[in-house]
C-alpha atoms as a PDB file:
ATOM      1  CA  MET A   1      20.440   8.713   4.470  1.00  0.00           C
ATOM      2  CA  ILE A   2      17.438   7.059   6.192  1.00  0.00           C
ATOM      3  CA  ASN A   3      17.214   5.714   9.607  1.00  0.00           C
ATOM      4  CA  ILE A   4      16.182   2.335  10.696  1.00  0.00           C
ATOM      5  CA  ASP A   5      12.748   3.678  11.562  1.00  0.00           C
ATOM      6  CA  ASP A   6      12.316   5.021   7.924  1.00  0.00           C
ATOM      7  CA  PHE A   7      13.245   1.339   6.668  1.00  0.00           C
ATOM      8  CA  LYS A   8      10.722  -0.187   8.997  1.00  0.00           C
ATOM      9  CA  LYS A   9       7.975   1.661   7.041  1.00  0.00           C
ATOM     10  CA  LEU A  10       8.703  -0.407   3.746  1.00  0.00           C
ATOM     11  CA  ASP A  11       6.234  -3.496   3.702  1.00  0.00           C
ATOM     12  CA  ILE A  12       8.122  -5.809   1.230  1.00  0.00           C
ATOM     13  CA  ARG A  13       6.430  -8.916   0.418  1.00  0.00           C
ATOM     14  CA  LEU A  14       7.119 -12.021  -1.875  1.00  0.00           C
ATOM     15  CA  GLY A  15       4.771 -12.453  -4.850  1.00  0.00           C
ATOM     16  CA  THR A  16       4.793 -14.762  -7.883  1.00  0.00           C
ATOM     17  CA  ILE A  17       4.295 -13.038 -11.290  1.00  0.00           C
ATOM     18  CA  LYS A  18       1.737 -14.641 -13.167  1.00  0.00           C
ATOM     19  CA  GLU A  19       1.606 -12.311 -16.072  1.00  0.00           C
ATOM     20  CA  ALA A  20       3.908 -10.160 -17.792  1.00  0.00           C
ATOM     21  CA  VAL A  21       2.614  -8.323 -20.753  1.00  0.00           C
ATOM     22  CA  LYS A  22       4.745  -5.185 -22.427  1.00  0.00           C
ATOM     23  CA  ILE A  23       2.483  -1.965 -22.903  1.00  0.00           C
ATOM     24  CA  PRO A  24       1.986  -1.049 -26.345  1.00  0.00           C
ATOM     25  CA  GLU A  25       3.367   2.033 -27.570  1.00  0.00           C
ATOM     26  CA  THR A  26       6.173   2.281 -24.852  1.00  0.00           C
ATOM     27  CA  ASP A  27       9.562   1.380 -24.965  1.00  0.00           C
ATOM     28  CA  ARG A  28      10.119   0.434 -21.289  1.00  0.00           C
ATOM     29  CA  LEU A  29       7.038  -0.629 -19.481  1.00  0.00           C
ATOM     30  CA  VAL A  30       5.813  -4.214 -18.718  1.00  0.00           C
ATOM     31  CA  LYS A  31       2.179  -4.970 -16.802  1.00  0.00           C
ATOM     32  CA  LEU A  32       2.866  -7.316 -14.356  1.00  0.00           C
ATOM     33  CA  SER A  33       0.284  -9.451 -12.458  1.00  0.00           C
ATOM     34  CA  ILE A  34       1.796 -10.551  -9.283  1.00  0.00           C
ATOM     35  CA  ASP A  35       0.076 -13.178  -6.812  1.00  0.00           C
ATOM     36  CA  PHE A  36       0.859 -12.455  -3.106  1.00  0.00           C
ATOM     37  CA  GLY A  37      -1.452 -15.287  -1.787  1.00  0.00           C
ATOM     38  CA  THR A  38      -4.368 -13.135  -0.656  1.00  0.00           C
ATOM     39  CA  GLU A  39      -4.680 -10.742  -3.898  1.00  0.00           C
ATOM     40  CA  ILE A  40      -3.138 -10.304  -7.111  1.00  0.00           C
ATOM     41  CA  ARG A  41      -1.899  -6.765  -7.735  1.00  0.00           C
ATOM     42  CA  GLN A  42      -1.000  -5.230 -11.214  1.00  0.00           C
ATOM     43  CA  ILE A  43       2.207  -3.364 -11.075  1.00  0.00           C
ATOM     44  CA  ILE A  44       4.049  -1.237 -13.889  1.00  0.00           C
ATOM     45  CA  SER A  45       7.715  -1.827 -14.266  1.00  0.00           C
ATOM     46  CA  GLY A  46      10.130  -0.101 -16.709  1.00  0.00           C
ATOM     47  CA  ILE A  47      12.030  -3.346 -17.726  1.00  0.00           C
ATOM     48  CA  ALA A  48      11.181  -3.908 -20.982  1.00  0.00           C
ATOM     49  CA  VAL A  49      14.717  -3.017 -22.446  1.00  0.00           C
ATOM     50  CA  TYR A  50      15.981  -5.700 -20.080  1.00  0.00           C
ATOM     51  CA  TYR A  51      13.563  -8.388 -20.852  1.00  0.00           C
ATOM     52  CA  PRO A  52      12.267  -8.365 -24.422  1.00  0.00           C
ATOM     53  CA  ASP A  53      10.737 -11.665 -24.246  1.00  0.00           C
ATOM     54  CA  THR A  54       8.379 -11.159 -21.021  1.00  0.00           C
ATOM     55  CA  GLY A  55       7.241 -14.681 -20.853  1.00  0.00           C
ATOM     56  CA  VAL A  56      10.859 -15.384 -19.190  1.00  0.00           C
ATOM     57  CA  LEU A  57       9.399 -13.457 -15.741  1.00  0.00           C
ATOM     58  CA  ILE A  58       6.639 -15.680 -15.423  1.00  0.00           C
ATOM     59  CA  GLY A  59       6.366 -17.866 -12.190  1.00  0.00           C
ATOM     60  CA  LYS A  60       9.666 -15.798 -10.712  1.00  0.00           C
ATOM     61  CA  GLN A  61       9.082 -15.152  -7.352  1.00  0.00           C
ATOM     62  CA  VAL A  62      10.375 -11.527  -6.508  1.00  0.00           C
ATOM     63  CA  PRO A  63      10.190  -9.158  -3.452  1.00  0.00           C
ATOM     64  CA  VAL A  64       7.753  -6.240  -3.978  1.00  0.00           C
ATOM     65  CA  ILE A  65       7.262  -2.819  -1.904  1.00  0.00           C
ATOM     66  CA  VAL A  66       3.566  -3.394  -1.327  1.00  0.00           C
ATOM     67  CA  ASN A  67       2.638  -0.111   0.674  1.00  0.00           C
ATOM     68  CA  LEU A  68       3.421   2.554  -2.005  1.00  0.00           C
ATOM     69  CA  GLU A  69       0.540   4.789  -2.639  1.00  0.00           C
ATOM     70  CA  PRO A  70      -1.069   3.586  -6.004  1.00  0.00           C
ATOM     71  CA  ARG A  71       0.513   5.469  -9.010  1.00  0.00           C
ATOM     72  CA  LEU A  72      -1.029   6.221 -12.575  1.00  0.00           C
ATOM     73  CA  ILE A  73       1.610   5.425 -15.315  1.00  0.00           C
ATOM     74  CA  LYS A  74       0.746   6.166 -18.944  1.00  0.00           C
ATOM     75  CA  GLY A  75      -2.851   5.299 -17.734  1.00  0.00           C
ATOM     76  CA  TYR A  76      -2.314   2.175 -16.035  1.00  0.00           C
ATOM     77  CA  GLU A  77      -2.559   1.867 -12.138  1.00  0.00           C
ATOM     78  CA  SER A  78       0.632   0.419 -10.471  1.00  0.00           C
ATOM     79  CA  ASN A  79      -0.067  -0.880  -7.043  1.00  0.00           C
ATOM     80  CA  GLY A  80       3.915  -1.330  -5.774  1.00  0.00           C
ATOM     81  CA  MET A  81       7.583  -1.905  -6.809  1.00  0.00           C
ATOM     82  CA  VAL A  82       9.440  -4.683  -7.720  1.00  0.00           C
ATOM     83  CA  LEU A  83      12.669  -4.795  -6.488  1.00  0.00           C
ATOM     84  CA  TYR A  84      15.561  -5.537  -8.993  1.00  0.00           C
ATOM     85  CA  ALA A  85      19.391  -5.807  -8.911  1.00  0.00           C
ATOM     86  CA  ILE A  86      21.559  -3.717 -11.596  1.00  0.00           C
ATOM     87  CA  GLU A  87      25.000  -3.553 -12.257  1.00  0.00           C
ATOM     88  CA  GLU A  88      26.766  -1.183 -14.879  1.00  0.00           C
ATOM     89  CA  LYS A  89      29.785  -2.976 -16.626  1.00  0.00           C
ATOM     90  CA  ASP A  90      31.804  -1.605 -19.772  1.00  0.00           C
ATOM     91  CA  GLY A  91      28.846   1.028 -20.148  1.00  0.00           C
ATOM     92  CA  LYS A  92      26.085  -1.443 -20.181  1.00  0.00           C
ATOM     93  CA  GLU A  93      23.190  -2.385 -17.425  1.00  0.00           C
ATOM     94  CA  ASN A  94      22.402  -5.591 -16.632  1.00  0.00           C
ATOM     95  CA  LEU A  95      18.954  -6.141 -14.521  1.00  0.00           C
ATOM     96  CA  THR A  96      17.855  -9.208 -12.928  1.00  0.00           C
ATOM     97  CA  THR A  97      15.207 -10.221 -10.657  1.00  0.00           C
ATOM     98  CA  LEU A  98      15.906 -10.778  -6.859  1.00  0.00           C
ATOM     99  CA  GLU A  99      14.559 -14.361  -5.848  1.00  0.00           C
ATOM    100  CA  PRO A 100      14.779 -16.184  -2.967  1.00  0.00           C
ATOM    101  CA  GLY A 101      17.255 -19.395  -2.055  1.00  0.00           C
ATOM    102  CA  GLU A 102      13.722 -21.345  -2.061  1.00  0.00           C
ATOM    103  CA  ALA A 103      10.513 -20.829  -2.821  1.00  0.00           C
ATOM    104  CA  LEU A 104       8.172 -19.232   0.201  1.00  0.00           C
ATOM    105  CA  GLY A 105       4.558 -18.880   0.280  1.00  0.00           C
ATOM    106  CA  ASN A 106       3.384 -15.714  -1.632  1.00  0.00           C
ATOM    107  CA  GLY A 107       3.076 -12.611   0.757  1.00  0.00           C
ATOM    108  CA  SER A 108       6.122 -13.813   2.738  1.00  0.00           C
ATOM    109  CA  ILE A 109       7.600 -10.940   4.611  1.00  0.00           C
ATOM    110  CA  VAL A 110      10.912  -9.427   3.371  1.00  0.00           C
ATOM    111  CA  ARG A 111      13.117  -8.343   6.106  1.00  0.00           C
END
């Protein structure tokens, strides 16, 4: 359990996926370029098994934790974490992006 003060430390912003490319020689990794209005960040996400056609991700507006320390994953720097919803049903996982009910400006704060 975390308290509300811990939760308030998270800076979650909306960004639009501009590019999504599977990282060669990996099973799960996708390199995302996400536009936050004032900057474009590279984020590495382990979602390739859920999105074999990474092109379907382009244009989606997603929530991202933007104040995580950068992390090197398989030689690629990741500057945030995209939030997804996942459901396990009948022994199979289904993962989906979380999108706002209407488009908002890139960089909008998620509370």
